[in-house]
Amino acid sequence: MAQVADPAHTVRQVADLDRRNDGIALIEFHVVRAHPTYIKYRWSSHRRSPKKFTAWFRNVQTQEHYKAEQTVWTSDGHDFSRISSLPRRSGEYQLVLTEYNNYSNDYAHSSNFWIRLSDF
């Protein structure tokens, strides 16, 4: 069976690339329901953007962060993250792109999406 992206969780935003210290904007985001589910995303950047950043899953209710990808190279422009870093718990999450290894400095975040127990 082919893996299909969930169209309800696709985002396209105008990139806010005028921010002085980061300049990374999430421009596309798909929740792909497979076993296990994974998240595909794309971002835009400019010459002042950091060379790398970290991707996290943030639980919307508890604000806990789970590292999805420790090192994401800005020049790649796209990546995917499996939900294996999450505890086997359903809930509402966001994908958050932050300063390398520092979840308190957000560059961009996705819209909210639900992870169900059947996604693991």
PDB file of N, CA and C in Angstrom:
ATOM      1  N   MET A   1       0.839  -1.171   0.000  1.00  0.00           N
ATOM      2  CA  MET A   1       0.000   0.000   0.000  1.00  0.00           C
ATOM      3  C   MET A   1       0.889   1.240   0.000  1.00  0.00           C
ATOM      4  N   ALA A   2       0.572   2.203  -0.823  1.00  0.00           N
ATOM      5  CA  ALA A   2       1.362   3.432  -0.924  1.00  0.00           C
ATOM      6  C   ALA A   2       1.153   4.307   0.307  1.00  0.00           C
ATOM      7  N   GLN A   3       2.214   4.976   0.717  1.00  0.00           N
ATOM      8  CA  GLN A   3       2.127   5.892   1.837  1.00  0.00           C
ATOM      9  C   GLN A   3       1.639   7.237   1.321  1.00  0.00           C
ATOM     10  N   VAL A   4       0.613   7.770   1.959  1.00  0.00           N
ATOM     11  CA  VAL A   4      -0.010   8.997   1.493  1.00  0.00           C
ATOM     12  C   VAL A   4       0.120  10.069   2.562  1.00  0.00           C
ATOM     13  N   ALA A   5       0.508  11.265   2.162  1.00  0.00           N
ATOM     14  CA  ALA A   5       0.602  12.378   3.104  1.00  0.00           C
ATOM     15  C   ALA A   5      -0.798  12.813   3.507  1.00  0.00           C
ATOM     16  N   ASP A   6      -0.939  13.223   4.748  1.00  0.00           N
ATOM     17  CA  ASP A   6      -2.201  13.716   5.279  1.00  0.00           C
ATOM     18  C   ASP A   6      -2.367  15.170   4.832  1.00  0.00           C
ATOM     19  N   PRO A   7      -3.263  15.454   3.864  1.00  0.00           N
ATOM     20  CA  PRO A   7      -3.363  16.813   3.313  1.00  0.00           C
ATOM     21  C   PRO A   7      -3.870  17.832   4.317  1.00  0.00           C
ATOM     22  N   ALA A   8      -4.544  17.400   5.365  1.00  0.00           N
ATOM     23  CA  ALA A   8      -5.057  18.344   6.357  1.00  0.00           C
ATOM     24  C   ALA A   8      -3.940  18.985   7.163  1.00  0.00           C
ATOM     25  N   HIS A   9      -2.757  18.400   7.147  1.00  0.00           N
ATOM     26  CA  HIS A   9      -1.645  18.924   7.932  1.00  0.00           C
ATOM     27  C   HIS A   9      -0.513  19.450   7.060  1.00  0.00           C
ATOM     28  N   THR A  10      -0.859  19.960   5.898  1.00  0.00           N
ATOM     29  CA  THR A  10       0.128  20.568   5.015  1.00  0.00           C
ATOM     30  C   THR A  10       0.080  22.070   5.225  1.00  0.00           C
ATOM     31  N   VAL A  11       1.230  22.692   5.413  1.00  0.00           N
ATOM     32  CA  VAL A  11       1.265  24.144   5.590  1.00  0.00           C
ATOM     33  C   VAL A  11       2.172  24.767   4.561  1.00  0.00           C
ATOM     34  N   ARG A  12       1.820  25.948   4.145  1.00  0.00           N
ATOM     35  CA  ARG A  12       2.702  26.768   3.321  1.00  0.00           C
ATOM     36  C   ARG A  12       2.543  28.178   3.849  1.00  0.00           C
ATOM     37  N   GLN A  13       3.650  28.753   4.278  1.00  0.00           N
ATOM     38  CA  GLN A  13       3.625  30.083   4.854  1.00  0.00           C
ATOM     39  C   GLN A  13       4.590  30.969   4.106  1.00  0.00           C
ATOM     40  N   VAL A  14       4.392  32.273   4.251  1.00  0.00           N
ATOM     41  CA  VAL A  14       5.366  33.220   3.748  1.00  0.00           C
ATOM     42  C   VAL A  14       6.543  33.181   4.713  1.00  0.00           C
ATOM     43  N   ALA A  15       7.715  32.980   4.196  1.00  0.00           N
ATOM     44  CA  ALA A  15       8.902  32.849   5.041  1.00  0.00           C
ATOM     45  C   ALA A  15       9.262  34.195   5.657  1.00  0.00           C
ATOM     46  N   ASP A  16       9.484  34.202   6.956  1.00  0.00           N
ATOM     47  CA  ASP A  16       9.936  35.398   7.661  1.00  0.00           C
ATOM     48  C   ASP A  16      11.454  35.344   7.697  1.00  0.00           C
ATOM     49  N   LEU A  17      12.068  35.816   6.629  1.00  0.00           N
ATOM     50  CA  LEU A  17      13.516  35.716   6.522  1.00  0.00           C
ATOM     51  C   LEU A  17      14.215  37.016   6.884  1.00  0.00           C
ATOM     52  N   ASP A  18      13.485  37.971   7.433  1.00  0.00           N
ATOM     53  CA  ASP A  18      14.100  39.229   7.833  1.00  0.00           C
ATOM     54  C   ASP A  18      14.610  39.184   9.261  1.00  0.00           C
ATOM     55  N   ARG A  19      14.323  38.130   9.984  1.00  0.00           N
ATOM     56  CA  ARG A  19      14.810  38.028  11.356  1.00  0.00           C
ATOM     57  C   ARG A  19      16.319  38.012  11.339  1.00  0.00           C
ATOM     58  N   ARG A  20      16.907  38.787  12.182  1.00  0.00           N
ATOM     59  CA  ARG A  20      18.331  39.062  12.126  1.00  0.00           C
ATOM     60  C   ARG A  20      19.234  37.853  12.401  1.00  0.00           C
ATOM     61  N   ASN A  21      18.864  37.008  13.342  1.00  0.00           N
ATOM     62  CA  ASN A  21      19.810  35.974  13.761  1.00  0.00           C
ATOM     63  C   ASN A  21      19.474  34.572  13.278  1.00  0.00           C
ATOM     64  N   ASP A  22      18.357  34.351  12.624  1.00  0.00           N
ATOM     65  CA  ASP A  22      18.081  32.969  12.226  1.00  0.00           C
ATOM     66  C   ASP A  22      17.680  32.844  10.769  1.00  0.00           C
ATOM     67  N   GLY A  23      16.512  33.286  10.386  1.00  0.00           N
ATOM     68  CA  GLY A  23      16.124  33.211   8.994  1.00  0.00           C
ATOM     69  C   GLY A  23      15.822  31.823   8.492  1.00  0.00           C
ATOM     70  N   ILE A  24      15.246  30.965   9.328  1.00  0.00           N
ATOM     71  CA  ILE A  24      14.766  29.655   8.888  1.00  0.00           C
ATOM     72  C   ILE A  24      13.252  29.680   9.012  1.00  0.00           C
ATOM     73  N   ALA A  25      12.567  29.322   7.940  1.00  0.00           N
ATOM     74  CA  ALA A  25      11.109  29.311   7.948  1.00  0.00           C
ATOM     75  C   ALA A  25      10.615  27.958   7.438  1.00  0.00           C
ATOM     76  N   LEU A  26       9.686  27.371   8.153  1.00  0.00           N
ATOM     77  CA  LEU A  26       9.063  26.119   7.745  1.00  0.00           C
ATOM     78  C   LEU A  26       8.072  26.448   6.637  1.00  0.00           C
ATOM     79  N   ILE A  27       8.256  25.875   5.463  1.00  0.00           N
ATOM     80  CA  ILE A  27       7.381  26.214   4.336  1.00  0.00           C
ATOM     81  C   ILE A  27       6.473  25.071   3.903  1.00  0.00           C
ATOM     82  N   GLU A  28       6.785  23.852   4.313  1.00  0.00           N
ATOM     83  CA  GLU A  28       5.940  22.714   3.949  1.00  0.00           C
ATOM     84  C   GLU A  28       6.061  21.664   5.025  1.00  0.00           C
ATOM     85  N   PHE A  29       4.940  20.968   5.286  1.00  0.00           N
ATOM     86  CA  PHE A  29       4.877  20.034   6.407  1.00  0.00           C
ATOM     87  C   PHE A  29       3.808  18.991   6.114  1.00  0.00           C
ATOM     88  N   HIS A  30       4.162  17.715   6.188  1.00  0.00           N
ATOM     89  CA  HIS A  30       3.214  16.624   5.946  1.00  0.00           C
ATOM     90  C   HIS A  30       3.350  15.585   7.040  1.00  0.00           C
ATOM     91  N   VAL A  31       2.217  15.133   7.548  1.00  0.00           N
ATOM     92  CA  VAL A  31       2.188  13.976   8.439  1.00  0.00           C
ATOM     93  C   VAL A  31       1.895  12.775   7.554  1.00  0.00           C
ATOM     94  N   VAL A  32       2.826  11.846   7.474  1.00  0.00           N
ATOM     95  CA  VAL A  32       2.662  10.666   6.621  1.00  0.00           C
ATOM     96  C   VAL A  32       2.298   9.494   7.527  1.00  0.00           C
ATOM     97  N   ARG A  33       1.067   9.032   7.396  1.00  0.00           N
ATOM     98  CA  ARG A  33       0.554   7.930   8.232  1.00  0.00           C
ATOM     99  C   ARG A  33       1.064   6.609   7.669  1.00  0.00           C
ATOM    100  N   ALA A  34       2.038   6.068   8.316  1.00  0.00           N
ATOM    101  CA  ALA A  34       2.618   4.777   7.956  1.00  0.00           C
ATOM    102  C   ALA A  34       2.901   4.070   9.277  1.00  0.00           C
ATOM    103  N   HIS A  35       3.594   2.972   9.240  1.00  0.00           N
ATOM    104  CA  HIS A  35       3.956   2.279  10.487  1.00  0.00           C
ATOM    105  C   HIS A  35       5.448   2.145  10.562  1.00  0.00           C
ATOM    106  N   PRO A  36       6.164   3.003  11.290  1.00  0.00           N
ATOM    107  CA  PRO A  36       5.608   4.105  12.084  1.00  0.00           C
ATOM    108  C   PRO A  36       5.379   5.353  11.234  1.00  0.00           C
ATOM    109  N   THR A  37       4.545   6.232  11.750  1.00  0.00           N
ATOM    110  CA  THR A  37       4.263   7.513  11.104  1.00  0.00           C
ATOM    111  C   THR A  37       5.524   8.360  11.098  1.00  0.00           C
ATOM    112  N   TYR A  38       5.664   9.189  10.076  1.00  0.00           N
ATOM    113  CA  TYR A  38       6.794  10.121  10.051  1.00  0.00           C
ATOM    114  C   TYR A  38       6.339  11.463   9.510  1.00  0.00           C
ATOM    115  N   ILE A  39       7.174  12.460   9.716  1.00  0.00           N
ATOM    116  CA  ILE A  39       6.884  13.828   9.340  1.00  0.00           C
ATOM    117  C   ILE A  39       7.868  14.250   8.254  1.00  0.00           C
ATOM    118  N   LYS A  40       7.352  14.737   7.121  1.00  0.00           N
ATOM    119  CA  LYS A  40       8.193  15.297   6.052  1.00  0.00           C
ATOM    120  C   LYS A  40       8.062  16.809   6.122  1.00  0.00           C
ATOM    121  N   TYR A  41       9.181  17.513   5.967  1.00  0.00           N
ATOM    122  CA  TYR A  41       9.109  18.970   6.029  1.00  0.00           C
ATOM    123  C   TYR A  41      10.184  19.616   5.173  1.00  0.00           C
ATOM    124  N   ARG A  42       9.906  20.870   4.782  1.00  0.00           N
ATOM    125  CA  ARG A  42      10.851  21.674   4.008  1.00  0.00           C
ATOM    126  C   ARG A  42      10.946  23.038   4.660  1.00  0.00           C
ATOM    127  N   TRP A  43      12.070  23.685   4.479  1.00  0.00           N
ATOM    128  CA  TRP A  43      12.267  25.014   5.043  1.00  0.00           C
ATOM    129  C   TRP A  43      13.014  25.882   4.044  1.00  0.00           C
ATOM    130  N   SER A  44      12.966  27.173   4.288  1.00  0.00           N
ATOM    131  CA  SER A  44      13.753  28.108   3.487  1.00  0.00           C
ATOM    132  C   SER A  44      14.715  28.837   4.413  1.00  0.00           C
ATOM    133  N   SER A  45      15.773  29.354   3.830  1.00  0.00           N
ATOM    134  CA  SER A  45      16.807  30.026   4.619  1.00  0.00           C
ATOM    135  C   SER A  45      17.495  31.069   3.751  1.00  0.00           C
ATOM    136  N   HIS A  46      18.403  31.811   4.328  1.00  0.00           N
ATOM    137  CA  HIS A  46      19.191  32.795   3.590  1.00  0.00           C
ATOM    138  C   HIS A  46      20.628  32.774   4.099  1.00  0.00           C
ATOM    139  N   ARG A  47      21.460  33.647   3.607  1.00  0.00           N
ATOM    140  CA  ARG A  47      22.890  33.592   3.912  1.00  0.00           C
ATOM    141  C   ARG A  47      23.224  33.821   5.374  1.00  0.00           C
ATOM    142  N   ARG A  48      22.349  34.481   6.138  1.00  0.00           N
ATOM    143  CA  ARG A  48      22.602  34.692   7.564  1.00  0.00           C
ATOM    144  C   ARG A  48      22.052  33.560   8.437  1.00  0.00           C
ATOM    145  N   SER A  49      21.430  32.598   7.835  1.00  0.00           N
ATOM    146  CA  SER A  49      20.862  31.481   8.599  1.00  0.00           C
ATOM    147  C   SER A  49      21.972  30.634   9.208  1.00  0.00           C
ATOM    148  N   PRO A  50      21.703  29.995  10.337  1.00  0.00           N
ATOM    149  CA  PRO A  50      22.711  29.096  10.908  1.00  0.00           C
ATOM    150  C   PRO A  50      22.962  27.914   9.975  1.00  0.00           C
ATOM    151  N   LYS A  51      24.115  27.315  10.095  1.00  0.00           N
ATOM    152  CA  LYS A  51      24.474  26.189   9.222  1.00  0.00           C
ATOM    153  C   LYS A  51      23.728  24.908   9.595  1.00  0.00           C
ATOM    154  N   LYS A  52      23.316  24.806  10.859  1.00  0.00           N
ATOM    155  CA  LYS A  52      22.581  23.621  11.305  1.00  0.00           C
ATOM    156  C   LYS A  52      21.592  24.025  12.394  1.00  0.00           C
ATOM    157  N   PHE A  53      20.605  23.169  12.598  1.00  0.00           N
ATOM    158  CA  PHE A  53      19.618  23.377  13.653  1.00  0.00           C
ATOM    159  C   PHE A  53      19.132  22.016  14.127  1.00  0.00           C
ATOM    160  N   THR A  54      18.250  22.012  15.130  1.00  0.00           N
ATOM    161  CA  THR A  54      17.717  20.768  15.678  1.00  0.00           C
ATOM    162  C   THR A  54      16.199  20.766  15.495  1.00  0.00           C
ATOM    163  N   ALA A  55      15.638  19.601  15.166  1.00  0.00           N
ATOM    164  CA  ALA A  55      14.188  19.438  15.027  1.00  0.00           C
ATOM    165  C   ALA A  55      13.662  18.686  16.250  1.00  0.00           C
ATOM    166  N   TRP A  56      12.566  19.156  16.795  1.00  0.00           N
ATOM    167  CA  TRP A  56      11.952  18.578  17.997  1.00  0.00           C
ATOM    168  C   TRP A  56      10.475  18.320  17.747  1.00  0.00           C
ATOM    169  N   PHE A  57       9.915  17.378  18.508  1.00  0.00           N
ATOM    170  CA  PHE A  57       8.471  17.242  18.624  1.00  0.00           C
ATOM    171  C   PHE A  57       8.104  17.848  19.976  1.00  0.00           C
ATOM    172  N   ARG A  58       7.160  18.784  19.974  1.00  0.00           N
ATOM    173  CA  ARG A  58       6.724  19.407  21.224  1.00  0.00           C
ATOM    174  C   ARG A  58       5.296  18.977  21.515  1.00  0.00           C
ATOM    175  N   ASN A  59       5.071  18.429  22.715  1.00  0.00           N
ATOM    176  CA  ASN A  59       3.736  18.078  23.156  1.00  0.00           C
ATOM    177  C   ASN A  59       3.018  19.388  23.470  1.00  0.00           C
ATOM    178  N   VAL A  60       1.902  19.646  22.804  1.00  0.00           N
ATOM    179  CA  VAL A  60       1.202  20.919  22.951  1.00  0.00           C
ATOM    180  C   VAL A  60       0.662  21.089  24.369  1.00  0.00           C
ATOM    181  N   GLN A  61       0.155  20.021  24.952  1.00  0.00           N
ATOM    182  CA  GLN A  61      -0.446  20.118  26.284  1.00  0.00           C
ATOM    183  C   GLN A  61       0.600  20.303  27.381  1.00  0.00           C
ATOM    184  N   THR A  62       1.661  19.498  27.366  1.00  0.00           N
ATOM    185  CA  THR A  62       2.650  19.531  28.454  1.00  0.00           C
ATOM    186  C   THR A  62       3.853  20.426  28.164  1.00  0.00           C
ATOM    187  N   GLN A  63       4.038  20.815  26.892  1.00  0.00           N
ATOM    188  CA  GLN A  63       5.190  21.604  26.437  1.00  0.00           C
ATOM    189  C   GLN A  63       6.522  20.849  26.559  1.00  0.00           C
ATOM    190  N   GLU A  64       6.466  19.523  26.718  1.00  0.00           N
ATOM    191  CA  GLU A  64       7.684  18.713  26.730  1.00  0.00           C
ATOM    192  C   GLU A  64       8.223  18.605  25.306  1.00  0.00           C
ATOM    193  N   HIS A  65       9.549  18.584  25.176  1.00  0.00           N
ATOM    194  CA  HIS A  65      10.211  18.477  23.872  1.00  0.00           C
ATOM    195  C   HIS A  65      10.893  17.120  23.744  1.00  0.00           C
ATOM    196  N   TYR A  66      10.775  16.516  22.570  1.00  0.00           N
ATOM    197  CA  TYR A  66      11.420  15.247  22.259  1.00  0.00           C
ATOM    198  C   TYR A  66      12.237  15.453  20.993  1.00  0.00           C
ATOM    199  N   LYS A  67      13.513  15.121  21.052  1.00  0.00           N
ATOM    200  CA  LYS A  67      14.415  15.375  19.933  1.00  0.00           C
ATOM    201  C   LYS A  67      14.073  14.459  18.763  1.00  0.00           C
ATOM    202  N   ALA A  68      13.692  15.065  17.639  1.00  0.00           N
ATOM    203  CA  ALA A  68      13.370  14.307  16.432  1.00  0.00           C
ATOM    204  C   ALA A  68      14.625  14.085  15.603  1.00  0.00           C
ATOM    205  N   GLU A  69      15.406  15.136  15.393  1.00  0.00           N
ATOM    206  CA  GLU A  69      16.670  15.064  14.653  1.00  0.00           C
ATOM    207  C   GLU A  69      17.642  16.030  15.320  1.00  0.00           C
ATOM    208  N   GLN A  70      18.753  15.510  15.830  1.00  0.00           N
ATOM    209  CA  GLN A  70      19.693  16.379  16.524  1.00  0.00           C
ATOM    210  C   GLN A  70      20.362  17.374  15.586  1.00  0.00           C
ATOM    211  N   THR A  71      20.855  16.898  14.464  1.00  0.00           N
ATOM    212  CA  THR A  71      21.548  17.781  13.529  1.00  0.00           C
ATOM    213  C   THR A  71      20.844  17.766  12.180  1.00  0.00           C
ATOM    214  N   VAL A  72      20.316  18.921  11.801  1.00  0.00           N
ATOM    215  CA  VAL A  72      19.716  19.104  10.486  1.00  0.00           C
ATOM    216  C   VAL A  72      20.520  20.202   9.808  1.00  0.00           C
ATOM    217  N   TRP A  73      21.054  19.912   8.640  1.00  0.00           N
ATOM    218  CA  TRP A  73      21.877  20.892   7.914  1.00  0.00           C
ATOM    219  C   TRP A  73      20.972  21.826   7.131  1.00  0.00           C
ATOM    220  N   THR A  74      21.115  23.093   7.362  1.00  0.00           N
ATOM    221  CA  THR A  74      20.264  24.119   6.753  1.00  0.00           C
ATOM    222  C   THR A  74      20.298  24.054   5.230  1.00  0.00           C
ATOM    223  N   SER A  75      21.445  23.790   4.655  1.00  0.00           N
ATOM    224  CA  SER A  75      21.586  23.789   3.201  1.00  0.00           C
ATOM    225  C   SER A  75      20.765  22.698   2.516  1.00  0.00           C
ATOM    226  N   ASP A  76      20.369  21.640   3.240  1.00  0.00           N
ATOM    227  CA  ASP A  76      19.591  20.553   2.637  1.00  0.00           C
ATOM    228  C   ASP A  76      18.216  21.013   2.163  1.00  0.00           C
ATOM    229  N   GLY A  77      17.542  21.818   2.949  1.00  0.00           N
ATOM    230  CA  GLY A  77      16.239  22.349   2.563  1.00  0.00           C
ATOM    231  C   GLY A  77      15.054  21.434   2.803  1.00  0.00           C
ATOM    232  N   HIS A  78      15.293  20.171   3.141  1.00  0.00           N
ATOM    233  CA  HIS A  78      14.192  19.243   3.423  1.00  0.00           C
ATOM    234  C   HIS A  78      14.708  18.088   4.270  1.00  0.00           C
ATOM    235  N   ASP A  79      13.793  17.436   4.965  1.00  0.00           N
ATOM    236  CA  ASP A  79      14.157  16.296   5.810  1.00  0.00           C
ATOM    237  C   ASP A  79      12.880  15.568   6.198  1.00  0.00           C
ATOM    238  N   PHE A  80      13.022  14.475   6.925  1.00  0.00           N
ATOM    239  CA  PHE A  80      11.884  13.788   7.523  1.00  0.00           C
ATOM    240  C   PHE A  80      12.305  13.267   8.881  1.00  0.00           C
ATOM    241  N   SER A  81      11.336  13.104   9.774  1.00  0.00           N
ATOM    242  CA  SER A  81      11.606  12.614  11.126  1.00  0.00           C
ATOM    243  C   SER A  81      10.574  11.571  11.492  1.00  0.00           C
ATOM    244  N   ARG A  82      11.040  10.430  11.964  1.00  0.00           N
ATOM    245  CA  ARG A  82      10.135   9.388  12.458  1.00  0.00           C
ATOM    246  C   ARG A  82       9.695   9.740  13.874  1.00  0.00           C
ATOM    247  N   ILE A  83       8.547   9.230  14.278  1.00  0.00           N
ATOM    248  CA  ILE A  83       8.043   9.546  15.615  1.00  0.00           C
ATOM    249  C   ILE A  83       8.609   8.624  16.690  1.00  0.00           C
ATOM    250  N   SER A  84       9.646   7.879  16.372  1.00  0.00           N
ATOM    251  CA  SER A  84      10.211   6.919  17.325  1.00  0.00           C
ATOM    252  C   SER A  84      10.796   7.579  18.570  1.00  0.00           C
ATOM    253  N   SER A  85      11.102   8.874  18.517  1.00  0.00           N
ATOM    254  CA  SER A  85      11.636   9.552  19.699  1.00  0.00           C
ATOM    255  C   SER A  85      10.540   9.880  20.713  1.00  0.00           C
ATOM    256  N   LEU A  86       9.282   9.757  20.308  1.00  0.00           N
ATOM    257  CA  LEU A  86       8.175  10.050  21.214  1.00  0.00           C
ATOM    258  C   LEU A  86       7.888   8.863  22.110  1.00  0.00           C
ATOM    259  N   PRO A  87       7.426   9.130  23.345  1.00  0.00           N
ATOM    260  CA  PRO A  87       6.959   8.000  24.167  1.00  0.00           C
ATOM    261  C   PRO A  87       5.711   7.419  23.495  1.00  0.00           C
ATOM    262  N   ARG A  88       5.416   6.183  23.726  1.00  0.00           N
ATOM    263  CA  ARG A  88       4.252   5.566  23.078  1.00  0.00           C
ATOM    264  C   ARG A  88       2.977   6.104  23.713  1.00  0.00           C
ATOM    265  N   ARG A  89       2.709   7.365  23.402  1.00  0.00           N
ATOM    266  CA  ARG A  89       1.569   8.075  23.954  1.00  0.00           C
ATOM    267  C   ARG A  89       0.928   8.918  22.865  1.00  0.00           C
ATOM    268  N   SER A  90      -0.375   8.840  22.781  1.00  0.00           N
ATOM    269  CA  SER A  90      -1.054   9.691  21.803  1.00  0.00           C
ATOM    270  C   SER A  90      -1.109  11.114  22.339  1.00  0.00           C
ATOM    271  N   GLY A  91      -1.325  12.054  21.450  1.00  0.00           N
ATOM    272  CA  GLY A  91      -1.423  13.437  21.884  1.00  0.00           C
ATOM    273  C   GLY A  91      -1.289  14.393  20.721  1.00  0.00           C
ATOM    274  N   GLU A  92      -1.375  15.655  21.042  1.00  0.00           N
ATOM    275  CA  GLU A  92      -1.260  16.715  20.055  1.00  0.00           C
ATOM    276  C   GLU A  92       0.166  17.263  20.116  1.00  0.00           C
ATOM    277  N   TYR A  93       0.820  17.329  18.959  1.00  0.00           N
ATOM    278  CA  TYR A  93       2.224  17.721  18.889  1.00  0.00           C
ATOM    279  C   TYR A  93       2.438  18.793  17.830  1.00  0.00           C
ATOM    280  N   GLN A  94       3.617  19.414  17.885  1.00  0.00           N
ATOM    281  CA  GLN A  94       4.096  20.326  16.856  1.00  0.00           C
ATOM    282  C   GLN A  94       5.520  19.901  16.504  1.00  0.00           C
ATOM    283  N   LEU A  95       5.905  20.149  15.267  1.00  0.00           N
ATOM    284  CA  LEU A  95       7.298  20.030  14.867  1.00  0.00           C
ATOM    285  C   LEU A  95       7.919  21.402  15.081  1.00  0.00           C
ATOM    286  N   VAL A  96       9.040  21.463  15.809  1.00  0.00           N
ATOM    287  CA  VAL A  96       9.674  22.735  16.135  1.00  0.00           C
ATOM    288  C   VAL A  96      11.121  22.704  15.649  1.00  0.00           C
ATOM    289  N   LEU A  97      11.515  23.716  14.885  1.00  0.00           N
ATOM    290  CA  LEU A  97      12.891  23.869  14.416  1.00  0.00           C
ATOM    291  C   LEU A  97      13.544  24.926  15.299  1.00  0.00           C
ATOM    292  N   THR A  98      14.673  24.572  15.921  1.00  0.00           N
ATOM    293  CA  THR A  98      15.289  25.463  16.904  1.00  0.00           C
ATOM    294  C   THR A  98      16.784  25.626  16.664  1.00  0.00           C
ATOM    295  N   GLU A  99      17.346  26.534  17.421  1.00  0.00           N
ATOM    296  CA  GLU A  99      18.795  26.658  17.465  1.00  0.00           C
ATOM    297  C   GLU A  99      19.367  25.279  17.786  1.00  0.00           C
ATOM    298  N   TYR A 100      20.555  24.988  17.290  1.00  0.00           N
ATOM    299  CA  TYR A 100      21.154  23.671  17.476  1.00  0.00           C
ATOM    300  C   TYR A 100      21.185  23.292  18.958  1.00  0.00           C
ATOM    301  N   ASN A 101      20.501  22.210  19.291  1.00  0.00           N
ATOM    302  CA  ASN A 101      20.469  21.620  20.630  1.00  0.00           C
ATOM    303  C   ASN A 101      19.927  22.548  21.710  1.00  0.00           C
ATOM    304  N   ASN A 102      19.088  23.516  21.350  1.00  0.00           N
ATOM    305  CA  ASN A 102      18.547  24.463  22.322  1.00  0.00           C
ATOM    306  C   ASN A 102      17.085  24.724  21.994  1.00  0.00           C
ATOM    307  N   TYR A 103      16.161  23.969  22.607  1.00  0.00           N
ATOM    308  CA  TYR A 103      14.755  24.093  22.246  1.00  0.00           C
ATOM    309  C   TYR A 103      14.099  25.377  22.736  1.00  0.00           C
ATOM    310  N   SER A 104      14.776  26.157  23.531  1.00  0.00           N
ATOM    311  CA  SER A 104      14.169  27.407  24.003  1.00  0.00           C
ATOM    312  C   SER A 104      14.280  28.537  22.982  1.00  0.00           C
ATOM    313  N   ASN A 105      15.042  28.348  21.900  1.00  0.00           N
ATOM    314  CA  ASN A 105      15.168  29.369  20.862  1.00  0.00           C
ATOM    315  C   ASN A 105      14.555  28.852  19.559  1.00  0.00           C
ATOM    316  N   ASP A 106      13.237  29.051  19.418  1.00  0.00           N
ATOM    317  CA  ASP A 106      12.499  28.584  18.231  1.00  0.00           C
ATOM    318  C   ASP A 106      12.849  29.401  17.000  1.00  0.00           C
ATOM    319  N   TYR A 107      13.043  28.717  15.876  1.00  0.00           N
ATOM    320  CA  TYR A 107      13.128  29.382  14.582  1.00  0.00           C
ATOM    321  C   TYR A 107      11.770  29.314  13.891  1.00  0.00           C
ATOM    322  N   ALA A 108      11.134  28.139  13.942  1.00  0.00           N
ATOM    323  CA  ALA A 108       9.847  27.936  13.271  1.00  0.00           C
ATOM    324  C   ALA A 108       9.143  26.748  13.909  1.00  0.00           C
ATOM    325  N   HIS A 109       7.824  26.696  13.773  1.00  0.00           N
ATOM    326  CA  HIS A 109       7.081  25.525  14.241  1.00  0.00           C
ATOM    327  C   HIS A 109       5.890  25.275  13.320  1.00  0.00           C
ATOM    328  N   SER A 110       5.458  24.032  13.321  1.00  0.00           N
ATOM    329  CA  SER A 110       4.344  23.612  12.459  1.00  0.00           C
ATOM    330  C   SER A 110       3.015  23.888  13.144  1.00  0.00           C
ATOM    331  N   SER A 111       1.962  23.644  12.410  1.00  0.00           N
ATOM    332  CA  SER A 111       0.642  23.626  13.019  1.00  0.00           C
ATOM    333  C   SER A 111       0.547  22.367  13.882  1.00  0.00           C
ATOM    334  N   ASN A 112      -0.460  22.301  14.723  1.00  0.00           N
ATOM    335  CA  ASN A 112      -0.637  21.140  15.597  1.00  0.00           C
ATOM    336  C   ASN A 112      -1.079  19.922  14.791  1.00  0.00           C
ATOM    337  N   PHE A 113      -0.635  18.746  15.205  1.00  0.00           N
ATOM    338  CA  PHE A 113      -1.070  17.496  14.581  1.00  0.00           C
ATOM    339  C   PHE A 113      -1.223  16.444  15.667  1.00  0.00           C
ATOM    340  N   TRP A 114      -2.058  15.450  15.422  1.00  0.00           N
ATOM    341  CA  TRP A 114      -2.326  14.397  16.400  1.00  0.00           C
ATOM    342  C   TRP A 114      -1.530  13.145  16.080  1.00  0.00           C
ATOM    343  N   ILE A 115      -0.974  12.548  17.110  1.00  0.00           N
ATOM    344  CA  ILE A 115      -0.331  11.241  17.023  1.00  0.00           C
ATOM    345  C   ILE A 115      -1.211  10.271  17.817  1.00  0.00           C
ATOM    346  N   ARG A 116      -1.595   9.184  17.158  1.00  0.00           N
ATOM    347  CA  ARG A 116      -2.433   8.171  17.800  1.00  0.00           C
ATOM    348  C   ARG A 116      -1.584   6.954  18.137  1.00  0.00           C
ATOM    349  N   LEU A 117      -2.053   6.119  19.012  1.00  0.00           N
ATOM    350  CA  LEU A 117      -1.306   4.896  19.368  1.00  0.00           C
ATOM    351  C   LEU A 117      -1.095   4.010  18.151  1.00  0.00           C
ATOM    352  N   SER A 118      -2.022   4.036  17.220  1.00  0.00           N
ATOM    353  CA  SER A 118      -1.874   3.207  16.009  1.00  0.00           C
ATOM    354  C   SER A 118      -0.790   3.728  15.065  1.00  0.00           C
ATOM    355  N   ASP A 119      -0.250   4.918  15.316  1.00  0.00           N
ATOM    356  CA  ASP A 119       0.813   5.478  14.474  1.00  0.00           C
ATOM    357  C   ASP A 119       2.179   4.873  14.793  1.00  0.00           C
ATOM    358  N   PHE A 120       2.309   4.212  15.925  1.00  0.00           N
ATOM    359  CA  PHE A 120       3.612   3.638  16.311  1.00  0.00           C
ATOM    360  C   PHE A 120       3.829   2.280  15.706  1.00  0.00           C
TER     361      PHE A 120
END
